């Protein structure tokens, strides 16, 4: 690494509206059927950012651990007399 900031971009596919009829109940408690008309998609972009950050953290840690397994911990990671 050169120490520069890591810039990551990712795309999120929008969730689709569920157009199939679903069983539900009214406020009075009587059974009814709900049908969605039009596009009423939730905004998953707000939740996608922390999920993307966590995925990137897992990828970076995985790469670090694979590198450390191949070349060893290095001088800063050694403990004991051999570290001097």
N, C-alpha and C. Protein backbone atom coordinates (compact mmCIF):
# COMPACT_ATOMS: atom_id res chain seq x y z
N UNK A 1 0.84 -1.19 0.00
CA UNK A 1 0.00 0.00 0.00
C UNK A 1 0.88 1.24 0.00
N UNK A 2 0.42 2.26 -0.66
CA UNK A 2 1.15 3.53 -0.68
C UNK A 2 0.70 4.45 0.45
N UNK A 3 -0.30 4.05 1.20
CA UNK A 3 -0.82 4.89 2.27
C UNK A 3 -1.91 5.84 1.83
N UNK A 4 -2.23 5.82 0.55
CA UNK A 4 -3.28 6.70 0.05
C UNK A 4 -4.65 6.17 0.49
N UNK A 5 -5.65 7.06 0.56
CA UNK A 5 -6.99 6.60 0.93
C UNK A 5 -7.53 5.58 -0.07
N UNK A 6 -8.29 4.65 0.44
CA UNK A 6 -8.93 3.64 -0.41
C UNK A 6 -10.30 4.19 -0.81
N UNK A 7 -10.54 4.29 -2.11
CA UNK A 7 -11.82 4.78 -2.63
C UNK A 7 -12.56 3.61 -3.24
N UNK A 8 -13.78 3.39 -2.79
CA UNK A 8 -14.58 2.26 -3.26
C UNK A 8 -15.92 2.78 -3.74
N UNK A 9 -16.38 2.25 -4.85
CA UNK A 9 -17.71 2.57 -5.36
C UNK A 9 -18.45 1.26 -5.60
N UNK A 10 -19.72 1.25 -5.29
CA UNK A 10 -20.52 0.07 -5.58
C UNK A 10 -21.94 0.48 -5.96
N UNK A 11 -22.58 -0.36 -6.72
CA UNK A 11 -23.94 -0.08 -7.19
C UNK A 11 -24.92 -0.98 -6.45
N UNK A 12 -26.11 -0.46 -6.23
CA UNK A 12 -27.16 -1.21 -5.56
C UNK A 12 -28.37 -1.27 -6.47
N UNK A 13 -28.84 -2.47 -6.72
CA UNK A 13 -30.04 -2.63 -7.55
C UNK A 13 -31.26 -2.27 -6.71
N UNK A 14 -32.13 -1.43 -7.22
CA UNK A 14 -33.32 -1.07 -6.44
C UNK A 14 -34.24 -2.27 -6.23
N UNK A 15 -34.84 -2.31 -5.06
CA UNK A 15 -35.80 -3.38 -4.79
C UNK A 15 -37.09 -3.10 -5.56
N UNK A 16 -37.74 -4.16 -5.96
CA UNK A 16 -38.97 -3.97 -6.74
C UNK A 16 -40.19 -4.05 -5.83
N UNK A 17 -41.26 -3.42 -6.26
CA UNK A 17 -42.53 -3.51 -5.54
C UNK A 17 -43.09 -4.91 -5.70
N UNK A 18 -43.73 -5.41 -4.66
CA UNK A 18 -44.35 -6.73 -4.72
C UNK A 18 -45.76 -6.54 -5.27
N UNK A 19 -45.99 -7.00 -6.48
CA UNK A 19 -47.27 -6.78 -7.15
C UNK A 19 -48.27 -7.90 -6.92
N UNK A 20 -47.86 -9.00 -6.30
CA UNK A 20 -48.80 -10.09 -6.05
C UNK A 20 -49.70 -9.74 -4.87
N UNK A 21 -50.95 -10.13 -4.92
CA UNK A 21 -51.87 -9.84 -3.81
C UNK A 21 -51.41 -10.53 -2.53
N UNK A 22 -51.54 -9.83 -1.40
CA UNK A 22 -51.13 -10.37 -0.10
C UNK A 22 -52.30 -10.29 0.87
N UNK A 23 -52.39 -11.30 1.73
CA UNK A 23 -53.43 -11.30 2.76
C UNK A 23 -53.01 -10.38 3.90
N UNK A 24 -53.98 -9.67 4.45
CA UNK A 24 -53.72 -8.76 5.57
C UNK A 24 -55.02 -8.62 6.36
N UNK A 25 -55.02 -7.70 7.32
CA UNK A 25 -56.24 -7.40 8.06
C UNK A 25 -56.41 -5.89 8.12
N UNK A 26 -57.65 -5.44 8.25
CA UNK A 26 -57.92 -4.01 8.38
C UNK A 26 -57.71 -3.60 9.84
N UNK A 27 -57.85 -2.31 10.11
CA UNK A 27 -57.72 -1.84 11.49
C UNK A 27 -58.80 -2.42 12.39
N UNK A 28 -59.92 -2.75 11.79
CA UNK A 28 -61.02 -3.36 12.57
C UNK A 28 -60.79 -4.85 12.79
N UNK A 29 -59.80 -5.44 12.12
CA UNK A 29 -59.48 -6.85 12.31
C UNK A 29 -60.11 -7.79 11.30
N UNK A 30 -60.77 -7.27 10.30
CA UNK A 30 -61.37 -8.14 9.28
C UNK A 30 -60.35 -8.47 8.20
N UNK A 31 -60.37 -9.69 7.69
CA UNK A 31 -59.41 -10.08 6.65
C UNK A 31 -59.63 -9.28 5.36
N UNK A 32 -58.53 -8.97 4.70
CA UNK A 32 -58.59 -8.25 3.43
C UNK A 32 -57.40 -8.66 2.57
N UNK A 33 -57.40 -8.22 1.33
CA UNK A 33 -56.30 -8.50 0.42
C UNK A 33 -55.69 -7.17 -0.02
N UNK A 34 -54.37 -7.08 0.04
CA UNK A 34 -53.66 -5.85 -0.33
C UNK A 34 -52.98 -6.06 -1.67
N UNK A 35 -53.19 -5.14 -2.60
CA UNK A 35 -52.55 -5.18 -3.91
C UNK A 35 -51.82 -3.86 -4.12
N UNK A 36 -50.54 -3.94 -4.43
CA UNK A 36 -49.75 -2.73 -4.68
C UNK A 36 -49.94 -2.31 -6.12
N UNK A 37 -50.23 -1.04 -6.31
CA UNK A 37 -50.35 -0.48 -7.66
C UNK A 37 -49.31 0.61 -7.80
N UNK A 38 -48.55 0.56 -8.87
CA UNK A 38 -47.51 1.57 -9.07
C UNK A 38 -46.19 1.15 -8.43
N UNK A 39 -45.29 2.10 -8.32
CA UNK A 39 -43.96 1.83 -7.77
C UNK A 39 -43.86 2.48 -6.39
N UNK A 40 -43.69 1.67 -5.39
CA UNK A 40 -43.54 2.14 -4.01
C UNK A 40 -42.36 1.40 -3.40
N UNK A 41 -41.19 1.71 -3.87
CA UNK A 41 -39.99 1.00 -3.46
C UNK A 41 -39.39 1.64 -2.21
N UNK A 42 -38.90 0.82 -1.29
CA UNK A 42 -38.20 1.37 -0.13
C UNK A 42 -36.83 1.88 -0.55
N UNK A 43 -36.30 2.82 0.19
CA UNK A 43 -34.96 3.35 -0.09
C UNK A 43 -33.93 2.50 0.66
N UNK A 44 -33.26 1.61 -0.05
CA UNK A 44 -32.26 0.77 0.60
C UNK A 44 -30.89 1.44 0.59
N UNK A 45 -30.77 2.58 -0.07
CA UNK A 45 -29.49 3.28 -0.13
C UNK A 45 -28.97 3.68 1.23
N UNK A 46 -29.87 4.01 2.14
CA UNK A 46 -29.46 4.41 3.49
C UNK A 46 -28.83 3.23 4.22
N UNK A 47 -29.40 2.05 4.05
CA UNK A 47 -28.87 0.86 4.72
C UNK A 47 -27.69 0.26 3.97
N UNK A 48 -27.55 0.58 2.70
CA UNK A 48 -26.50 -0.04 1.89
C UNK A 48 -25.12 0.48 2.25
N UNK A 49 -25.01 1.72 2.70
CA UNK A 49 -23.69 2.30 2.99
C UNK A 49 -22.99 1.54 4.12
N UNK A 50 -23.60 1.34 5.31
CA UNK A 50 -22.89 0.59 6.34
C UNK A 50 -22.63 -0.86 5.95
N UNK A 51 -23.52 -1.45 5.16
CA UNK A 51 -23.29 -2.82 4.71
C UNK A 51 -22.08 -2.87 3.78
N UNK A 52 -21.98 -1.90 2.85
CA UNK A 52 -20.82 -1.83 1.95
C UNK A 52 -19.53 -1.59 2.71
N UNK A 53 -19.56 -0.72 3.72
CA UNK A 53 -18.37 -0.47 4.53
C UNK A 53 -17.93 -1.73 5.27
N UNK A 54 -18.89 -2.47 5.81
CA UNK A 54 -18.56 -3.70 6.52
C UNK A 54 -17.99 -4.75 5.57
N UNK A 55 -18.56 -4.84 4.36
CA UNK A 55 -18.03 -5.79 3.37
C UNK A 55 -16.60 -5.44 3.00
N UNK A 56 -16.32 -4.15 2.83
CA UNK A 56 -14.97 -3.72 2.48
C UNK A 56 -14.00 -4.02 3.62
N UNK A 57 -14.43 -3.82 4.86
CA UNK A 57 -13.58 -4.13 6.01
C UNK A 57 -13.25 -5.62 6.06
N UNK A 58 -14.22 -6.47 5.75
CA UNK A 58 -13.98 -7.91 5.74
C UNK A 58 -12.98 -8.28 4.65
N UNK A 59 -13.12 -7.69 3.47
CA UNK A 59 -12.21 -7.98 2.35
C UNK A 59 -10.78 -7.54 2.70
N UNK A 60 -10.63 -6.34 3.26
CA UNK A 60 -9.29 -5.85 3.61
C UNK A 60 -8.66 -6.70 4.70
N UNK A 61 -9.43 -7.08 5.72
CA UNK A 61 -8.89 -7.93 6.78
C UNK A 61 -8.52 -9.30 6.23
N UNK A 62 -9.32 -9.84 5.34
CA UNK A 62 -9.01 -11.13 4.73
C UNK A 62 -7.70 -11.07 3.96
N UNK A 63 -7.51 -10.01 3.18
CA UNK A 63 -6.26 -9.86 2.43
C UNK A 63 -5.07 -9.70 3.36
N UNK A 64 -5.25 -8.94 4.45
CA UNK A 64 -4.17 -8.76 5.43
C UNK A 64 -3.80 -10.10 6.06
N UNK A 65 -4.79 -10.89 6.45
CA UNK A 65 -4.51 -12.17 7.08
C UNK A 65 -3.86 -13.15 6.10
N UNK A 66 -4.28 -13.14 4.83
CA UNK A 66 -3.63 -14.01 3.84
C UNK A 66 -2.18 -13.60 3.63
N UNK A 67 -1.92 -12.29 3.57
CA UNK A 67 -0.55 -11.79 3.41
C UNK A 67 0.30 -12.18 4.62
N UNK A 68 -0.26 -12.01 5.80
CA UNK A 68 0.48 -12.33 7.03
C UNK A 68 0.76 -13.83 7.12
N UNK A 69 -0.16 -14.67 6.64
CA UNK A 69 0.05 -16.11 6.66
C UNK A 69 1.16 -16.52 5.70
N UNK A 70 1.36 -15.77 4.61
CA UNK A 70 2.38 -16.12 3.63
C UNK A 70 3.76 -15.60 4.00
N UNK A 71 3.85 -14.39 4.55
CA UNK A 71 5.16 -13.79 4.79
C UNK A 71 5.50 -13.64 6.26
N UNK A 72 4.59 -13.95 7.16
CA UNK A 72 4.84 -13.81 8.59
C UNK A 72 4.43 -12.44 9.10
N UNK A 73 4.45 -12.27 10.43
CA UNK A 73 3.95 -11.03 11.01
C UNK A 73 4.86 -9.83 10.82
N UNK A 74 6.12 -10.02 10.52
CA UNK A 74 7.03 -8.88 10.37
C UNK A 74 7.60 -8.45 11.71
N UNK A 75 8.58 -7.53 11.73
CA UNK A 75 9.26 -7.15 12.97
C UNK A 75 8.33 -6.55 14.02
N UNK A 76 7.33 -5.81 13.61
CA UNK A 76 6.45 -5.17 14.58
C UNK A 76 5.53 -6.18 15.26
N UNK A 77 5.31 -7.33 14.65
CA UNK A 77 4.40 -8.31 15.22
C UNK A 77 5.08 -9.39 16.03
N UNK A 78 6.41 -9.39 16.11
CA UNK A 78 7.13 -10.43 16.84
C UNK A 78 7.27 -10.04 18.31
N UNK A 79 7.19 -11.04 19.16
CA UNK A 79 7.34 -10.83 20.60
C UNK A 79 8.46 -11.75 21.08
N UNK A 80 9.29 -11.24 21.97
CA UNK A 80 10.36 -12.05 22.55
C UNK A 80 11.72 -11.54 22.13
N UNK A 81 12.78 -12.30 22.49
CA UNK A 81 14.15 -11.84 22.22
C UNK A 81 14.47 -11.73 20.73
N UNK A 82 13.81 -12.53 19.88
CA UNK A 82 14.12 -12.46 18.45
C UNK A 82 13.61 -11.16 17.82
N UNK A 83 12.77 -10.39 18.53
CA UNK A 83 12.26 -9.13 18.00
C UNK A 83 13.32 -8.03 18.03
N UNK A 84 14.34 -8.16 18.91
CA UNK A 84 15.37 -7.12 18.96
C UNK A 84 16.34 -7.27 17.86
